[in-house]
């Protein structure tokens, strides 16, 4: 199911419960984040200096990142 989500959905899902967050932020879940980015047409490629979850946070959170 996770492979059908976009990065915004995955980002918000990671904030639902501690267990989900721990799973989605683990190294073994990187493939889900890469797949989610592929599901979002027009999304710029994740910069090399950011992890996929950090990039999703930058794009889809409502926090100021200045």
PDB file of N, CA and C in Angstrom:
ATOM      1  N   UNK A   1       0.834  -1.194   0.000  1.00  0.00           N
ATOM      2  CA  UNK A   1       0.000   0.000   0.000  1.00  0.00           C
ATOM      3  C   UNK A   1       0.876   1.253   0.000  1.00  0.00           C
ATOM      4  N   UNK A   2       1.939   1.234   0.766  1.00  0.00           N
ATOM      5  CA  UNK A   2       2.803   2.408   0.895  1.00  0.00           C
ATOM      6  C   UNK A   2       3.403   2.804  -0.453  1.00  0.00           C
ATOM      7  N   UNK A   3       3.637   1.834  -1.322  1.00  0.00           N
ATOM      8  CA  UNK A   3       4.267   2.143  -2.611  1.00  0.00           C
ATOM      9  C   UNK A   3       3.355   2.925  -3.542  1.00  0.00           C
ATOM     10  N   UNK A   4       2.077   3.045  -3.219  1.00  0.00           N
ATOM     11  CA  UNK A   4       1.142   3.817  -4.042  1.00  0.00           C
ATOM     12  C   UNK A   4       0.988   5.257  -3.566  1.00  0.00           C
ATOM     13  N   UNK A   5       1.587   5.594  -2.438  1.00  0.00           N
ATOM     14  CA  UNK A   5       1.446   6.932  -1.870  1.00  0.00           C
ATOM     15  C   UNK A   5       2.445   7.900  -2.480  1.00  0.00           C
ATOM     16  N   UNK A   6       2.117   9.171  -2.411  1.00  0.00           N
ATOM     17  CA  UNK A   6       3.049  10.217  -2.798  1.00  0.00           C
ATOM     18  C   UNK A   6       3.868  10.627  -1.591  1.00  0.00           C
ATOM     19  N   UNK A   7       4.886  11.440  -1.779  1.00  0.00           N
ATOM     20  CA  UNK A   7       5.737  11.835  -0.659  1.00  0.00           C
ATOM     21  C   UNK A   7       5.004  12.650   0.414  1.00  0.00           C
ATOM     22  N   UNK A   8       4.041  13.460   0.022  1.00  0.00           N
ATOM     23  CA  UNK A   8       3.280  14.226   1.026  1.00  0.00           C
ATOM     24  C   UNK A   8       2.473  13.275   1.902  1.00  0.00           C
ATOM     25  N   UNK A   9       1.853  12.273   1.277  1.00  0.00           N
ATOM     26  CA  UNK A   9       1.082  11.287   2.040  1.00  0.00           C
ATOM     27  C   UNK A   9       1.983  10.513   2.997  1.00  0.00           C
ATOM     28  N   UNK A  10       3.131  10.107   2.504  1.00  0.00           N
ATOM     29  CA  UNK A  10       4.072   9.359   3.331  1.00  0.00           C
ATOM     30  C   UNK A  10       4.577  10.219   4.487  1.00  0.00           C
ATOM     31  N   UNK A  11       4.842  11.481   4.210  1.00  0.00           N
ATOM     32  CA  UNK A  11       5.276  12.407   5.253  1.00  0.00           C
ATOM     33  C   UNK A  11       4.208  12.529   6.342  1.00  0.00           C
ATOM     34  N   UNK A  12       2.965  12.732   5.937  1.00  0.00           N
ATOM     35  CA  UNK A  12       1.890  12.878   6.923  1.00  0.00           C
ATOM     36  C   UNK A  12       1.630  11.567   7.660  1.00  0.00           C
ATOM     37  N   UNK A  13       1.745  10.446   6.970  1.00  0.00           N
ATOM     38  CA  UNK A  13       1.578   9.148   7.616  1.00  0.00           C
ATOM     39  C   UNK A  13       2.648   8.926   8.676  1.00  0.00           C
ATOM     40  N   UNK A  14       3.843   9.429   8.433  1.00  0.00           N
ATOM     41  CA  UNK A  14       4.929   9.259   9.404  1.00  0.00           C
ATOM     42  C   UNK A  14       4.673  10.037  10.686  1.00  0.00           C
ATOM     43  N   UNK A  15       3.717  10.919  10.666  1.00  0.00           N
ATOM     44  CA  UNK A  15       3.396  11.719  11.850  1.00  0.00           C
ATOM     45  C   UNK A  15       2.178  11.206  12.614  1.00  0.00           C
ATOM     46  N   UNK A  16       1.614  10.091  12.170  1.00  0.00           N
ATOM     47  CA  UNK A  16       0.397   9.562  12.796  1.00  0.00           C
ATOM     48  C   UNK A  16       0.692   8.865  14.119  1.00  0.00           C
ATOM     49  N   UNK A  17       1.717   8.038  14.145  1.00  0.00           N
ATOM     50  CA  UNK A  17       2.022   7.264  15.353  1.00  0.00           C
ATOM     51  C   UNK A  17       3.526   7.016  15.441  1.00  0.00           C
ATOM     52  N   UNK A  18       4.008   6.839  16.653  1.00  0.00           N
ATOM     53  CA  UNK A  18       5.444   6.629  16.855  1.00  0.00           C
ATOM     54  C   UNK A  18       5.951   5.396  16.120  1.00  0.00           C
ATOM     55  N   UNK A  19       5.166   4.327  16.121  1.00  0.00           N
ATOM     56  CA  UNK A  19       5.581   3.101  15.445  1.00  0.00           C
ATOM     57  C   UNK A  19       5.724   3.297  13.945  1.00  0.00           C
ATOM     58  N   UNK A  20       4.767   3.990  13.352  1.00  0.00           N
ATOM     59  CA  UNK A  20       4.849   4.286  11.914  1.00  0.00           C
ATOM     60  C   UNK A  20       6.039   5.196  11.624  1.00  0.00           C
ATOM     61  N   UNK A  21       6.242   6.175  12.471  1.00  0.00           N
ATOM     62  CA  UNK A  21       7.373   7.089  12.276  1.00  0.00           C
ATOM     63  C   UNK A  21       8.693   6.330  12.346  1.00  0.00           C
ATOM     64  N   UNK A  22       8.830   5.479  13.353  1.00  0.00           N
ATOM     65  CA  UNK A  22      10.055   4.701  13.510  1.00  0.00           C
ATOM     66  C   UNK A  22      10.296   3.832  12.267  1.00  0.00           C
ATOM     67  N   UNK A  23       9.238   3.210  11.753  1.00  0.00           N
ATOM     68  CA  UNK A  23       9.353   2.374  10.560  1.00  0.00           C
ATOM     69  C   UNK A  23       9.707   3.199   9.327  1.00  0.00           C
ATOM     70  N   UNK A  24       8.980   4.290   9.099  1.00  0.00           N
ATOM     71  CA  UNK A  24       9.179   5.080   7.884  1.00  0.00           C
ATOM     72  C   UNK A  24      10.481   5.875   7.891  1.00  0.00           C
ATOM     73  N   UNK A  25      11.031   6.152   9.052  1.00  0.00           N
ATOM     74  CA  UNK A  25      12.290   6.886   9.129  1.00  0.00           C
ATOM     75  C   UNK A  25      13.501   5.962   9.179  1.00  0.00           C
ATOM     76  N   UNK A  26      13.272   4.663   9.192  1.00  0.00           N
ATOM     77  CA  UNK A  26      14.391   3.724   9.234  1.00  0.00           C
ATOM     78  C   UNK A  26      15.070   3.626   7.870  1.00  0.00           C
ATOM     79  N   UNK A  27      16.324   3.223   7.883  1.00  0.00           N
ATOM     80  CA  UNK A  27      17.108   3.094   6.653  1.00  0.00           C
ATOM     81  C   UNK A  27      16.450   2.109   5.691  1.00  0.00           C
ATOM     82  N   UNK A  28      15.824   1.069   6.236  1.00  0.00           N
ATOM     83  CA  UNK A  28      15.211   0.043   5.385  1.00  0.00           C
ATOM     84  C   UNK A  28      13.978   0.554   4.639  1.00  0.00           C
ATOM     85  N   UNK A  29      13.458   1.710   4.992  1.00  0.00           N
ATOM     86  CA  UNK A  29      12.280   2.271   4.322  1.00  0.00           C
ATOM     87  C   UNK A  29      12.628   3.273   3.232  1.00  0.00           C
ATOM     88  N   UNK A  30      13.902   3.442   2.950  1.00  0.00           N
ATOM     89  CA  UNK A  30      14.319   4.409   1.925  1.00  0.00           C
ATOM     90  C   UNK A  30      13.674   4.106   0.583  1.00  0.00           C
ATOM     91  N   UNK A  31      13.472   2.822   0.280  1.00  0.00           N
ATOM     92  CA  UNK A  31      12.861   2.459  -1.004  1.00  0.00           C
ATOM     93  C   UNK A  31      11.435   2.990  -1.106  1.00  0.00           C
ATOM     94  N   UNK A  32      10.719   3.053   0.012  1.00  0.00           N
ATOM     95  CA  UNK A  32       9.351   3.585  -0.014  1.00  0.00           C
ATOM     96  C   UNK A  32       9.356   5.070  -0.352  1.00  0.00           C
ATOM     97  N   UNK A  33      10.326   5.801   0.196  1.00  0.00           N
ATOM     98  CA  UNK A  33      10.422   7.232  -0.073  1.00  0.00           C
ATOM     99  C   UNK A  33      10.792   7.498  -1.523  1.00  0.00           C
ATOM    100  N   UNK A  34      11.708   6.686  -2.059  1.00  0.00           N
ATOM    101  CA  UNK A  34      12.085   6.854  -3.472  1.00  0.00           C
ATOM    102  C   UNK A  34      10.908   6.540  -4.387  1.00  0.00           C
ATOM    103  N   UNK A  35      10.170   5.499  -4.052  1.00  0.00           N
ATOM    104  CA  UNK A  35       8.993   5.125  -4.838  1.00  0.00           C
ATOM    105  C   UNK A  35       7.933   6.226  -4.751  1.00  0.00           C
ATOM    106  N   UNK A  36       7.730   6.787  -3.570  1.00  0.00           N
ATOM    107  CA  UNK A  36       6.755   7.861  -3.386  1.00  0.00           C
ATOM    108  C   UNK A  36       7.124   9.068  -4.237  1.00  0.00           C
ATOM    109  N   UNK A  37       8.405   9.386  -4.316  1.00  0.00           N
ATOM    110  CA  UNK A  37       8.850  10.516  -5.143  1.00  0.00           C
ATOM    111  C   UNK A  37       8.550  10.255  -6.611  1.00  0.00           C
ATOM    112  N   UNK A  38       8.651   9.009  -7.047  1.00  0.00           N
ATOM    113  CA  UNK A  38       8.330   8.655  -8.434  1.00  0.00           C
ATOM    114  C   UNK A  38       6.838   8.808  -8.713  1.00  0.00           C
ATOM    115  N   UNK A  39       6.019   8.689  -7.674  1.00  0.00           N
ATOM    116  CA  UNK A  39       4.567   8.815  -7.823  1.00  0.00           C
ATOM    117  C   UNK A  39       4.107  10.263  -7.911  1.00  0.00           C
ATOM    118  N   UNK A  40       5.009  11.201  -7.712  1.00  0.00           N
ATOM    119  CA  UNK A  40       4.684  12.634  -7.733  1.00  0.00           C
ATOM    120  C   UNK A  40       5.264  13.266  -8.996  1.00  0.00           C
ATOM    121  N   UNK A  41       4.439  13.432 -10.040  1.00  0.00           N
ATOM    122  CA  UNK A  41       4.964  14.005 -11.283  1.00  0.00           C
ATOM    123  C   UNK A  41       5.454  15.438 -11.080  1.00  0.00           C
ATOM    124  N   UNK A  42       6.589  15.741 -11.666  1.00  0.00           N
ATOM    125  CA  UNK A  42       7.125  17.093 -11.605  1.00  0.00           C
ATOM    126  C   UNK A  42       7.911  17.417 -10.352  1.00  0.00           C
ATOM    127  N   UNK A  43       8.033  16.474  -9.438  1.00  0.00           N
ATOM    128  CA  UNK A  43       8.788  16.722  -8.211  1.00  0.00           C
ATOM    129  C   UNK A  43      10.281  16.762  -8.527  1.00  0.00           C
ATOM    130  N   UNK A  44      10.972  17.833  -8.146  1.00  0.00           N
ATOM    131  CA  UNK A  44      12.421  17.885  -8.383  1.00  0.00           C
ATOM    132  C   UNK A  44      13.133  16.754  -7.637  1.00  0.00           C
ATOM    133  N   UNK A  45      14.237  16.317  -8.165  1.00  0.00           N
ATOM    134  CA  UNK A  45      15.018  15.248  -7.552  1.00  0.00           C
ATOM    135  C   UNK A  45      15.529  15.674  -6.180  1.00  0.00           C
ATOM    136  N   UNK A  46      15.539  14.734  -5.262  1.00  0.00           N
ATOM    137  CA  UNK A  46      16.033  14.990  -3.910  1.00  0.00           C
ATOM    138  C   UNK A  46      17.512  15.360  -3.971  1.00  0.00           C
ATOM    139  N   UNK A  47      17.903  16.466  -3.336  1.00  0.00           N
ATOM    140  CA  UNK A  47      19.324  16.846  -3.315  1.00  0.00           C
ATOM    141  C   UNK A  47      20.173  15.780  -2.613  1.00  0.00           C
ATOM    142  N   UNK A  48      21.417  15.669  -3.013  1.00  0.00           N
ATOM    143  CA  UNK A  48      22.312  14.656  -2.451  1.00  0.00           C
ATOM    144  C   UNK A  48      22.574  14.847  -0.961  1.00  0.00           C
ATOM    145  N   UNK A  49      22.467  16.076  -0.476  1.00  0.00           N
ATOM    146  CA  UNK A  49      22.778  16.333   0.929  1.00  0.00           C
ATOM    147  C   UNK A  49      21.576  16.180   1.860  1.00  0.00           C
ATOM    148  N   UNK A  50      20.436  15.707   1.341  1.00  0.00           N
ATOM    149  CA  UNK A  50      19.245  15.473   2.157  1.00  0.00           C
ATOM    150  C   UNK A  50      18.774  14.034   1.992  1.00  0.00           C
ATOM    151  N   UNK A  51      18.233  13.474   3.063  1.00  0.00           N
ATOM    152  CA  UNK A  51      17.577  12.173   2.948  1.00  0.00           C
ATOM    153  C   UNK A  51      16.191  12.402   2.344  1.00  0.00           C
ATOM    154  N   UNK A  52      15.581  11.353   1.846  1.00  0.00           N
ATOM    155  CA  UNK A  52      14.247  11.491   1.263  1.00  0.00           C
ATOM    156  C   UNK A  52      13.225  11.999   2.281  1.00  0.00           C
ATOM    157  N   UNK A  53      13.221  11.467   3.530  1.00  0.00           N
ATOM    158  CA  UNK A  53      12.283  12.013   4.517  1.00  0.00           C
ATOM    159  C   UNK A  53      12.543  13.487   4.838  1.00  0.00           C
ATOM    160  N   UNK A  54      13.809  13.886   4.916  1.00  0.00           N
ATOM    161  CA  UNK A  54      14.132  15.295   5.188  1.00  0.00           C
ATOM    162  C   UNK A  54      13.666  16.185   4.042  1.00  0.00           C
ATOM    163  N   UNK A  55      13.805  15.706   2.818  1.00  0.00           N
ATOM    164  CA  UNK A  55      13.350  16.460   1.647  1.00  0.00           C
ATOM    165  C   UNK A  55      11.828  16.598   1.661  1.00  0.00           C
ATOM    166  N   UNK A  56      11.129  15.520   2.001  1.00  0.00           N
ATOM    167  CA  UNK A  56       9.667  15.579   2.095  1.00  0.00           C
ATOM    168  C   UNK A  56       9.251  16.571   3.180  1.00  0.00           C
ATOM    169  N   UNK A  57       9.966  16.576   4.295  1.00  0.00           N
ATOM    170  CA  UNK A  57       9.666  17.525   5.366  1.00  0.00           C
ATOM    171  C   UNK A  57       9.848  18.957   4.877  1.00  0.00           C
ATOM    172  N   UNK A  58      10.913  19.199   4.151  1.00  0.00           N
ATOM    173  CA  UNK A  58      11.180  20.533   3.608  1.00  0.00           C
ATOM    174  C   UNK A  58      10.064  20.971   2.659  1.00  0.00           C
ATOM    175  N   UNK A  59       9.592  20.054   1.825  1.00  0.00           N
ATOM    176  CA  UNK A  59       8.583  20.393   0.823  1.00  0.00           C
ATOM    177  C   UNK A  59       7.165  20.482   1.378  1.00  0.00           C
ATOM    178  N   UNK A  60       6.816  19.593   2.305  1.00  0.00           N
ATOM    179  CA  UNK A  60       5.410  19.427   2.655  1.00  0.00           C
ATOM    180  C   UNK A  60       5.036  19.809   4.079  1.00  0.00           C
ATOM    181  N   UNK A  61       6.004  20.216   4.899  1.00  0.00           N
ATOM    182  CA  UNK A  61       5.629  20.663   6.242  1.00  0.00           C
ATOM    183  C   UNK A  61       5.253  22.139   6.186  1.00  0.00           C
ATOM    184  N   UNK A  62       4.537  22.577   7.185  1.00  0.00           N
ATOM    185  CA  UNK A  62       4.137  23.983   7.220  1.00  0.00           C
ATOM    186  C   UNK A  62       5.026  24.795   8.170  1.00  0.00           C
ATOM    187  N   UNK A  63       6.213  24.275   8.451  1.00  0.00           N
ATOM    188  CA  UNK A  63       7.168  24.967   9.302  1.00  0.00           C
ATOM    189  C   UNK A  63       8.088  25.836   8.458  1.00  0.00           C
ATOM    190  N   UNK A  64       8.544  26.916   9.033  1.00  0.00           N
ATOM    191  CA  UNK A  64       9.510  27.786   8.364  1.00  0.00           C
ATOM    192  C   UNK A  64      10.889  27.130   8.443  1.00  0.00           C
ATOM    193  N   UNK A  65      11.599  27.078   7.331  1.00  0.00           N
ATOM    194  CA  UNK A  65      12.905  26.431   7.277  1.00  0.00           C
ATOM    195  C   UNK A  65      14.038  27.425   7.052  1.00  0.00           C
ATOM    196  N   UNK A  66      13.817  28.680   7.381  1.00  0.00           N
ATOM    197  CA  UNK A  66      14.847  29.698   7.168  1.00  0.00           C
ATOM    198  C   UNK A  66      15.869  29.645   8.271  1.00  0.00           C
TER     199      UNK A  66
END
